[in-house]
Amino acid sequence: MGKSKIEWCDRTWNPITGCPGPLVSPGCVNCYARRTAETRLRGRCGYDATDPFKITFHPDRLKEPAGWRKPQRIFVGSMGDVFHKDALYRDIDLVLSVAALTPRHTYMFLTKRPDLLWNLNQWVNNVLALSSYKSTSEIMGSDLYRKWLDDMLG
């Protein structure tokens, strides 16, 4: 992928794209990735013509980070949710393996499904796990928050 205009990263990398419903957050209604996939990218650049926002693994993109010689801050999954329930664990594992094999880069995974991300338990030092929520009630209602709170309070 090309250099990013997003201020907090240098590049975006999308080895897994898509995030089909159901919508898991009020923020999903205004999703940039969905809107872009269903308009400009429909039937192009690896996006299906009939269902452009379905979960799609792009194995040809796995080699991209190895070619970036200078350390990069990489937003992984800007065009979907790598940790969507329809993404195969095998594919997610390959993506995380690329991160482990290129420690000069910092990989930032953003998901609305932090429970799956947390359960994979395969983190390496150059991976940041981030979750986006639109409201406090979303955070308080998440299973992951309850697990964390239980651990903190004993």
N, C-alpha and C. Protein backbone atom coordinates (compact mmCIF):
# COMPACT_ATOMS: atom_id res chain seq x y z
N MET A 1 0.84 -1.17 0.00
CA MET A 1 0.00 0.00 0.00
C MET A 1 0.89 1.24 0.00
N GLY A 2 0.33 2.35 -0.37
CA GLY A 2 1.07 3.59 -0.43
C GLY A 2 1.21 4.25 0.92
N LYS A 3 1.91 5.37 0.89
CA LYS A 3 2.05 6.13 2.12
C LYS A 3 0.67 6.66 2.52
N SER A 4 0.49 6.85 3.80
CA SER A 4 -0.81 7.25 4.33
C SER A 4 -0.88 8.74 4.59
N LYS A 5 -2.08 9.28 4.45
CA LYS A 5 -2.35 10.67 4.84
C LYS A 5 -2.85 10.74 6.28
N ILE A 6 -3.01 9.58 6.92
CA ILE A 6 -3.45 9.54 8.31
C ILE A 6 -2.29 10.01 9.17
N GLU A 7 -2.51 10.99 10.02
CA GLU A 7 -1.41 11.65 10.74
C GLU A 7 -0.67 10.76 11.74
N TRP A 8 -1.31 9.72 12.25
CA TRP A 8 -0.66 8.89 13.27
C TRP A 8 -0.01 7.62 12.72
N CYS A 9 0.07 7.50 11.40
CA CYS A 9 0.77 6.36 10.81
C CYS A 9 1.51 6.80 9.55
N ASP A 10 2.47 5.99 9.14
CA ASP A 10 3.21 6.27 7.91
C ASP A 10 2.60 5.55 6.71
N ARG A 11 2.07 4.36 6.97
CA ARG A 11 1.50 3.53 5.90
C ARG A 11 0.28 2.79 6.42
N THR A 12 -0.55 2.37 5.47
CA THR A 12 -1.62 1.44 5.78
C THR A 12 -1.29 0.13 5.09
N TRP A 13 -1.74 -0.95 5.69
CA TRP A 13 -1.50 -2.29 5.14
C TRP A 13 -2.77 -3.09 5.35
N ASN A 14 -3.30 -3.64 4.27
CA ASN A 14 -4.59 -4.33 4.32
C ASN A 14 -4.52 -5.75 3.76
N PRO A 15 -3.88 -6.67 4.49
CA PRO A 15 -3.83 -8.05 4.02
C PRO A 15 -5.18 -8.77 4.20
N ILE A 16 -6.02 -8.25 5.07
CA ILE A 16 -7.39 -8.74 5.24
C ILE A 16 -8.29 -7.52 5.16
N THR A 17 -9.28 -7.57 4.27
CA THR A 17 -10.18 -6.44 4.12
C THR A 17 -11.61 -6.90 4.36
N GLY A 18 -12.47 -5.91 4.58
CA GLY A 18 -13.89 -6.18 4.76
C GLY A 18 -14.33 -6.23 6.20
N CYS A 19 -15.63 -6.04 6.37
CA CYS A 19 -16.23 -6.08 7.70
C CYS A 19 -17.74 -6.14 7.52
N PRO A 20 -18.25 -7.29 7.04
CA PRO A 20 -19.69 -7.38 6.82
C PRO A 20 -20.46 -7.30 8.13
N GLY A 21 -21.73 -6.96 8.04
CA GLY A 21 -22.57 -6.80 9.22
C GLY A 21 -22.58 -8.05 10.08
N PRO A 22 -23.24 -7.99 11.20
CA PRO A 22 -24.02 -6.85 11.64
C PRO A 22 -23.13 -5.72 12.16
N LEU A 23 -23.67 -4.51 12.14
CA LEU A 23 -22.93 -3.37 12.67
C LEU A 23 -22.78 -3.55 14.17
N VAL A 24 -21.56 -3.37 14.67
CA VAL A 24 -21.31 -3.63 16.10
C VAL A 24 -21.23 -2.35 16.92
N SER A 25 -21.32 -1.21 16.25
CA SER A 25 -21.18 0.06 16.95
C SER A 25 -21.93 1.14 16.18
N PRO A 26 -22.41 2.17 16.87
CA PRO A 26 -23.03 3.28 16.14
C PRO A 26 -22.05 3.92 15.13
N GLY A 27 -20.76 3.82 15.41
CA GLY A 27 -19.76 4.37 14.50
C GLY A 27 -19.70 3.65 13.16
N CYS A 28 -20.20 2.42 13.10
CA CYS A 28 -20.17 1.64 11.86
C CYS A 28 -21.04 2.26 10.77
N VAL A 29 -22.04 3.03 11.17
CA VAL A 29 -22.95 3.64 10.20
C VAL A 29 -22.20 4.56 9.25
N ASN A 30 -21.19 5.25 9.73
CA ASN A 30 -20.42 6.20 8.92
C ASN A 30 -19.06 5.66 8.50
N CYS A 31 -18.95 4.37 8.33
CA CYS A 31 -17.67 3.72 8.07
C CYS A 31 -17.07 4.14 6.72
N TYR A 32 -15.89 4.74 6.79
CA TYR A 32 -15.15 5.16 5.59
C TYR A 32 -14.79 3.95 4.73
N ALA A 33 -14.32 2.88 5.35
CA ALA A 33 -13.87 1.70 4.61
C ALA A 33 -15.02 1.07 3.84
N ARG A 34 -16.17 0.93 4.47
CA ARG A 34 -17.33 0.35 3.80
C ARG A 34 -17.74 1.22 2.61
N ARG A 35 -17.85 2.51 2.85
CA ARG A 35 -18.27 3.44 1.79
C ARG A 35 -17.30 3.38 0.61
N THR A 36 -16.00 3.36 0.90
CA THR A 36 -14.99 3.32 -0.17
C THR A 36 -15.03 2.00 -0.92
N ALA A 37 -15.14 0.88 -0.20
CA ALA A 37 -15.19 -0.44 -0.84
C ALA A 37 -16.42 -0.58 -1.73
N GLU A 38 -17.54 -0.03 -1.28
CA GLU A 38 -18.78 -0.19 -2.04
C GLU A 38 -18.92 0.80 -3.19
N THR A 39 -18.04 1.75 -3.27
CA THR A 39 -18.12 2.72 -4.38
C THR A 39 -16.85 2.62 -5.24
N ARG A 40 -15.81 3.33 -4.86
CA ARG A 40 -14.59 3.42 -5.69
C ARG A 40 -13.88 2.09 -5.93
N LEU A 41 -13.92 1.17 -4.97
CA LEU A 41 -13.14 -0.06 -5.09
C LEU A 41 -13.93 -1.29 -5.54
N ARG A 42 -15.23 -1.16 -5.68
CA ARG A 42 -16.08 -2.28 -6.08
C ARG A 42 -15.55 -2.89 -7.39
N GLY A 43 -15.19 -4.19 -7.33
CA GLY A 43 -14.71 -4.89 -8.52
C GLY A 43 -13.29 -4.54 -8.92
N ARG A 44 -12.57 -3.83 -8.08
CA ARG A 44 -11.20 -3.43 -8.40
C ARG A 44 -10.29 -3.70 -7.21
N CYS A 45 -9.00 -3.78 -7.44
CA CYS A 45 -7.98 -3.86 -6.38
C CYS A 45 -8.23 -4.99 -5.37
N GLY A 46 -8.80 -6.09 -5.83
CA GLY A 46 -9.04 -7.23 -4.95
C GLY A 46 -10.38 -7.21 -4.24
N TYR A 47 -11.23 -6.23 -4.54
CA TYR A 47 -12.55 -6.15 -3.92
C TYR A 47 -13.58 -6.77 -4.86
N ASP A 48 -14.42 -7.64 -4.32
CA ASP A 48 -15.43 -8.34 -5.09
C ASP A 48 -16.42 -7.35 -5.71
N ALA A 49 -16.89 -7.65 -6.91
CA ALA A 49 -17.84 -6.77 -7.59
C ALA A 49 -19.24 -6.83 -6.98
N THR A 50 -19.63 -8.01 -6.48
CA THR A 50 -20.99 -8.14 -5.94
C THR A 50 -21.06 -7.91 -4.44
N ASP A 51 -20.00 -8.24 -3.71
CA ASP A 51 -19.99 -8.07 -2.25
C ASP A 51 -18.62 -7.52 -1.84
N PRO A 52 -18.36 -6.25 -2.11
CA PRO A 52 -17.01 -5.71 -1.92
C PRO A 52 -16.53 -5.62 -0.49
N PHE A 53 -17.43 -5.70 0.49
CA PHE A 53 -16.99 -5.55 1.88
C PHE A 53 -17.00 -6.87 2.65
N LYS A 54 -17.06 -7.98 1.91
CA LYS A 54 -16.95 -9.29 2.59
C LYS A 54 -15.51 -9.46 3.05
N ILE A 55 -15.30 -10.31 4.04
CA ILE A 55 -13.95 -10.60 4.52
C ILE A 55 -13.16 -11.26 3.39
N THR A 56 -12.04 -10.65 3.05
CA THR A 56 -11.20 -11.16 1.97
C THR A 56 -9.74 -11.15 2.41
N PHE A 57 -9.10 -12.28 2.28
CA PHE A 57 -7.66 -12.40 2.58
C PHE A 57 -6.89 -12.16 1.28
N HIS A 58 -5.87 -11.32 1.35
CA HIS A 58 -5.05 -10.96 0.20
C HIS A 58 -3.62 -11.45 0.44
N PRO A 59 -3.33 -12.72 0.17
CA PRO A 59 -1.99 -13.26 0.45
C PRO A 59 -0.88 -12.54 -0.31
N ASP A 60 -1.21 -11.96 -1.46
CA ASP A 60 -0.21 -11.23 -2.23
C ASP A 60 0.30 -9.98 -1.51
N ARG A 61 -0.42 -9.51 -0.51
CA ARG A 61 -0.02 -8.32 0.23
C ARG A 61 0.88 -8.62 1.42
N LEU A 62 1.07 -9.90 1.74
CA LEU A 62 1.86 -10.26 2.92
C LEU A 62 3.33 -9.83 2.79
N LYS A 63 3.84 -9.74 1.60
CA LYS A 63 5.25 -9.40 1.39
C LYS A 63 5.54 -7.90 1.49
N GLU A 64 4.52 -7.07 1.45
CA GLU A 64 4.72 -5.62 1.38
C GLU A 64 5.61 -5.06 2.50
N PRO A 65 5.34 -5.35 3.77
CA PRO A 65 6.17 -4.74 4.83
C PRO A 65 7.65 -5.10 4.75
N ALA A 66 7.98 -6.26 4.25
CA ALA A 66 9.39 -6.65 4.13
C ALA A 66 10.13 -5.73 3.16
N GLY A 67 9.42 -5.16 2.23
CA GLY A 67 10.03 -4.26 1.25
C GLY A 67 10.22 -2.83 1.74
N TRP A 68 9.65 -2.50 2.86
CA TRP A 68 9.79 -1.15 3.42
C TRP A 68 11.02 -1.14 4.31
N ARG A 69 12.11 -0.64 3.81
CA ARG A 69 13.40 -0.70 4.51
C ARG A 69 13.45 0.17 5.76
N LYS A 70 12.92 1.37 5.65
CA LYS A 70 12.92 2.31 6.77
C LYS A 70 11.81 1.93 7.75
N PRO A 71 12.03 2.03 9.06
CA PRO A 71 10.97 1.72 10.03
C PRO A 71 9.70 2.54 9.75
N GLN A 72 8.57 1.88 9.82
CA GLN A 72 7.28 2.50 9.53
C GLN A 72 6.30 2.25 10.67
N ARG A 73 5.38 3.20 10.86
CA ARG A 73 4.23 3.01 11.74
C ARG A 73 3.09 2.60 10.82
N ILE A 74 2.65 1.35 10.95
CA ILE A 74 1.72 0.76 9.99
C ILE A 74 0.34 0.53 10.62
N PHE A 75 -0.67 1.14 10.03
CA PHE A 75 -2.05 0.91 10.43
C PHE A 75 -2.52 -0.32 9.66
N VAL A 76 -2.74 -1.41 10.38
CA VAL A 76 -3.15 -2.68 9.77
C VAL A 76 -4.67 -2.77 9.77
N GLY A 77 -5.24 -2.94 8.59
CA GLY A 77 -6.69 -3.13 8.51
C GLY A 77 -7.49 -1.85 8.40
N SER A 78 -6.97 -0.85 7.72
CA SER A 78 -7.72 0.40 7.58
C SER A 78 -8.96 0.21 6.70
N MET A 79 -9.00 -0.88 5.94
CA MET A 79 -10.14 -1.14 5.05
C MET A 79 -10.95 -2.35 5.51
N GLY A 80 -11.07 -2.51 6.81
CA GLY A 80 -11.87 -3.60 7.36
C GLY A 80 -11.47 -3.88 8.79
N ASP A 81 -11.88 -5.04 9.28
CA ASP A 81 -11.54 -5.44 10.64
C ASP A 81 -10.85 -6.80 10.57
N VAL A 82 -9.55 -6.80 10.77
CA VAL A 82 -8.75 -8.03 10.71
C VAL A 82 -9.30 -9.08 11.67
N PHE A 83 -9.91 -8.65 12.77
CA PHE A 83 -10.40 -9.56 13.81
C PHE A 83 -11.91 -9.81 13.73
N HIS A 84 -12.47 -9.63 12.54
CA HIS A 84 -13.89 -9.94 12.32
C HIS A 84 -14.10 -11.44 12.53
N LYS A 85 -15.27 -11.83 12.99
CA LYS A 85 -15.57 -13.24 13.26
C LYS A 85 -15.46 -14.11 12.00
N ASP A 86 -15.58 -13.54 10.82
CA ASP A 86 -15.48 -14.32 9.57
C ASP A 86 -14.04 -14.47 9.07
N ALA A 87 -13.10 -13.76 9.66
CA ALA A 87 -11.70 -13.89 9.25
C ALA A 87 -11.16 -15.22 9.80
N LEU A 88 -10.43 -15.94 8.98
CA LEU A 88 -9.88 -17.22 9.41
C LEU A 88 -8.68 -17.02 10.33
N TYR A 89 -8.60 -17.81 11.39
CA TYR A 89 -7.47 -17.72 12.31
C TYR A 89 -6.15 -17.93 11.58
N ARG A 90 -6.15 -18.83 10.60
CA ARG A 90 -4.94 -19.09 9.82
C ARG A 90 -4.44 -17.81 9.15
N ASP A 91 -5.36 -17.03 8.58
CA ASP A 91 -5.00 -15.79 7.90
C ASP A 91 -4.51 -14.74 8.89
N ILE A 92 -5.19 -14.64 10.02
CA ILE A 92 -4.77 -13.69 11.06
C ILE A 92 -3.38 -14.06 11.56
N ASP A 93 -3.14 -15.34 11.75
CA ASP A 93 -1.84 -15.81 12.21
C ASP A 93 -0.74 -15.44 11.22
N LEU A 94 -1.01 -15.55 9.93
CA LEU A 94 -0.03 -15.17 8.91
C LEU A 94 0.28 -13.67 8.99
N VAL A 95 -0.74 -12.86 9.20
CA VAL A 95 -0.54 -11.42 9.33
C VAL A 95 0.33 -11.11 10.55
N LEU A 96 0.02 -11.74 11.68
CA LEU A 96 0.82 -11.52 12.89
C LEU A 96 2.25 -12.04 12.72
N SER A 97 2.42 -13.10 11.94
CA SER A 97 3.76 -13.63 11.68
C SER A 97 4.60 -12.64 10.90
N VAL A 98 4.00 -11.96 9.94
CA VAL A 98 4.72 -10.94 9.18
C VAL A 98 5.19 -9.84 10.14
N ALA A 99 4.33 -9.44 11.06
CA ALA A 99 4.72 -8.42 12.05
C ALA A 99 5.91 -8.91 12.87
N ALA A 100 5.88 -10.15 13.30
CA ALA A 100 6.98 -10.70 14.11
C ALA A 100 8.28 -10.77 13.31
N LEU A 101 8.18 -11.00 12.02
CA LEU A 101 9.36 -11.14 11.18
C LEU A 101 9.94 -9.81 10.69
N THR A 102 9.23 -8.72 10.95
CA THR A 102 9.72 -7.39 10.55
C THR A 102 9.69 -6.45 11.76
N PRO A 103 10.55 -6.71 12.73
CA PRO A 103 10.52 -5.95 13.99
C PRO A 103 10.89 -4.47 13.86
N ARG A 104 11.42 -4.06 12.73
CA ARG A 104 11.76 -2.63 12.57
C ARG A 104 10.50 -1.77 12.46
N HIS A 105 9.38 -2.38 12.10
CA HIS A 105 8.12 -1.64 11.95
C HIS A 105 7.29 -1.74 13.23
N THR A 106 6.40 -0.76 13.42
CA THR A 106 5.40 -0.82 14.48
C THR A 106 4.05 -1.02 13.81
N TYR A 107 3.35 -2.08 14.20
CA TYR A 107 2.06 -2.44 13.62
C TYR A 107 0.95 -2.05 14.58
N MET A 108 -0.02 -1.30 14.07
CA MET A 108 -1.15 -0.86 14.88
C MET A 108 -2.42 -1.50 14.34
N PHE A 109 -2.98 -2.42 15.13
CA PHE A 109 -4.22 -3.11 14.77
C PHE A 109 -5.37 -2.40 15.48
N LEU A 110 -6.35 -1.96 14.72
CA LEU A 110 -7.52 -1.30 15.28
C LEU A 110 -8.73 -2.18 15.00
N THR A 111 -9.49 -2.50 16.04
CA THR A 111 -10.65 -3.37 15.88
C THR A 111 -11.80 -2.93 16.76
N LYS A 112 -12.99 -3.28 16.36
CA LYS A 112 -14.17 -3.10 17.21
C LYS A 112 -14.50 -4.43 17.90
N ARG A 113 -13.64 -5.43 17.70
CA ARG A 113 -13.83 -6.77 18.28
C ARG A 113 -12.60 -7.16 19.09
N PRO A 114 -12.34 -6.47 20.19
CA PRO A 114 -11.11 -6.73 20.94
C PRO A 114 -11.06 -8.10 21.62
N ASP A 115 -12.20 -8.74 21.82
CA ASP A 115 -12.19 -10.05 22.50
C ASP A 115 -11.38 -11.07 21.70
N LEU A 116 -11.59 -11.13 20.39
CA LEU A 116 -10.84 -12.08 19.57
C LEU A 116 -9.37 -11.70 19.55
N LEU A 117 -9.10 -10.44 19.39
CA LEU A 117 -7.73 -9.96 19.37
C LEU A 117 -7.02 -10.35 20.67
N TRP A 118 -7.66 -10.15 21.79
CA TRP A 118 -7.10 -10.46 23.11
C TRP A 118 -6.85 -11.95 23.27
N ASN A 119 -7.79 -12.77 22.80
CA ASN A 119 -7.69 -14.22 22.96
C ASN A 119 -6.59 -14.86 22.12
N LEU A 120 -6.16 -14.20 21.06
CA LEU A 120 -5.11 -14.78 20.22
C LEU A 120 -3.79 -14.88 20.98
N ASN A 121 -3.53 -13.94 21.86
CA ASN A 121 -2.39 -14.02 22.77
C ASN A 121 -1.07 -14.33 22.04
N GLN A 122 -0.86 -13.68 20.91
CA GLN A 122 0.35 -13.92 20.12
C GLN A 122 1.14 -12.63 19.91
N TRP A 123 1.11 -11.76 20.86
CA TRP A 123 1.68 -10.44 20.62
C TRP A 123 3.20 -10.45 20.69
N VAL A 124 3.73 -9.59 19.87
CA VAL A 124 5.17 -9.35 19.86
C VAL A 124 5.38 -7.89 20.19
N ASN A 125 6.61 -7.51 20.49
CA ASN A 125 6.91 -6.16 20.97
C ASN A 125 6.55 -5.03 20.01
N ASN A 126 6.46 -5.30 18.73
CA ASN A 126 6.20 -4.23 17.77
C ASN A 126 4.74 -4.16 17.33
N VAL A 127 3.84 -4.74 18.11
CA VAL A 127 2.41 -4.73 17.78
C VAL A 127 1.64 -3.98 18.86
N LEU A 128 0.82 -3.03 18.40
CA LEU A 128 -0.08 -2.31 19.30
C LEU A 128 -1.51 -2.75 18.99
N ALA A 129 -2.24 -3.14 20.01
CA ALA A 129 -3.63 -3.56 19.86
C ALA A 129 -4.52 -2.43 20.33
N LEU A 130 -5.34 -1.92 19.44
CA LEU A 130 -6.21 -0.79 19.74
C LEU A 130 -7.66 -1.16 19.46
N SER A 131 -8.56 -0.61 20.21
CA SER A 131 -9.97 -0.84 19.98
C SER A 131 -10.70 0.49 19.96
N SER A 132 -11.62 0.62 19.05
CA SER A 132 -12.36 1.88 18.94
C SER A 132 -13.79 1.69 19.41
N TYR A 133 -14.21 2.60 20.24
CA TYR A 133 -15.58 2.62 20.75
C TYR A 133 -16.12 4.02 20.58
N LYS A 134 -17.42 4.13 20.37
CA LYS A 134 -18.05 5.43 20.20
C LYS A 134 -18.69 5.94 21.47
N SER A 135 -18.85 5.08 22.48
CA SER A 135 -19.52 5.54 23.69
C SER A 135 -19.03 4.76 24.90
N THR A 136 -19.20 5.35 26.05
CA THR A 136 -18.83 4.70 27.31
C THR A 136 -19.65 3.43 27.51
N SER A 137 -20.92 3.45 27.10
CA SER A 137 -21.75 2.26 27.28
C SER A 137 -21.23 1.08 26.47
N GLU A 138 -20.64 1.34 25.32
CA GLU A 138 -20.03 0.26 24.54
C GLU A 138 -18.86 -0.36 25.30
N ILE A 139 -18.04 0.48 25.91
CA ILE A 139 -16.88 -0.01 26.66
C ILE A 139 -17.36 -0.82 27.86
N MET A 140 -18.28 -0.26 28.63
CA MET A 140 -18.75 -0.91 29.84
C MET A 140 -19.46 -2.23 29.52
N GLY A 141 -20.04 -2.35 28.34
CA GLY A 141 -20.75 -3.57 27.98
C GLY A 141 -19.89 -4.64 27.36
N SER A 142 -18.61 -4.35 27.12
CA SER A 142 -17.78 -5.34 26.45
C SER A 142 -17.31 -6.43 27.41
N ASP A 143 -17.27 -7.65 26.92
CA ASP A 143 -16.79 -8.78 27.73
C ASP A 143 -15.34 -8.57 28.14
N LEU A 144 -14.55 -8.00 27.25
CA LEU A 144 -13.15 -7.77 27.54
C LEU A 144 -12.98 -6.79 28.71
N TYR A 145 -13.79 -5.75 28.74
CA TYR A 145 -13.72 -4.79 29.84
C TYR A 145 -14.06 -5.49 31.16
N ARG A 146 -15.10 -6.33 31.13
CA ARG A 146 -15.49 -7.03 32.35
C ARG A 146 -14.37 -7.97 32.82
N LYS A 147 -13.71 -8.66 31.87
CA LYS A 147 -12.59 -9.55 32.23
C LYS A 147 -11.46 -8.73 32.85
N TRP A 148 -11.15 -7.61 32.24
CA TRP A 148 -10.07 -6.75 32.74
C TRP A 148 -10.43 -6.23 34.13
N LEU A 149 -11.65 -5.79 34.32
CA LEU A 149 -12.10 -5.26 35.62
C LEU A 149 -12.02 -6.36 36.68
N ASP A 150 -12.47 -7.57 36.36
CA ASP A 150 -12.39 -8.69 37.30
C ASP A 150 -10.94 -8.95 37.71
N ASP A 151 -10.03 -8.93 36.74
CA ASP A 151 -8.62 -9.15 37.03
C ASP A 151 -8.05 -8.06 37.93
N MET A 152 -8.45 -6.81 37.67
CA MET A 152 -7.94 -5.67 38.44
C MET A 152 -8.45 -5.67 39.88
N LEU A 153 -9.71 -6.06 40.04
CA LEU A 153 -10.32 -6.00 41.37
C LEU A 153 -10.13 -7.30 42.16
N GLY A 154 -9.63 -8.31 41.47
CA GLY A 154 -9.36 -9.59 42.14
C GLY A 154 -10.59 -10.37 42.34
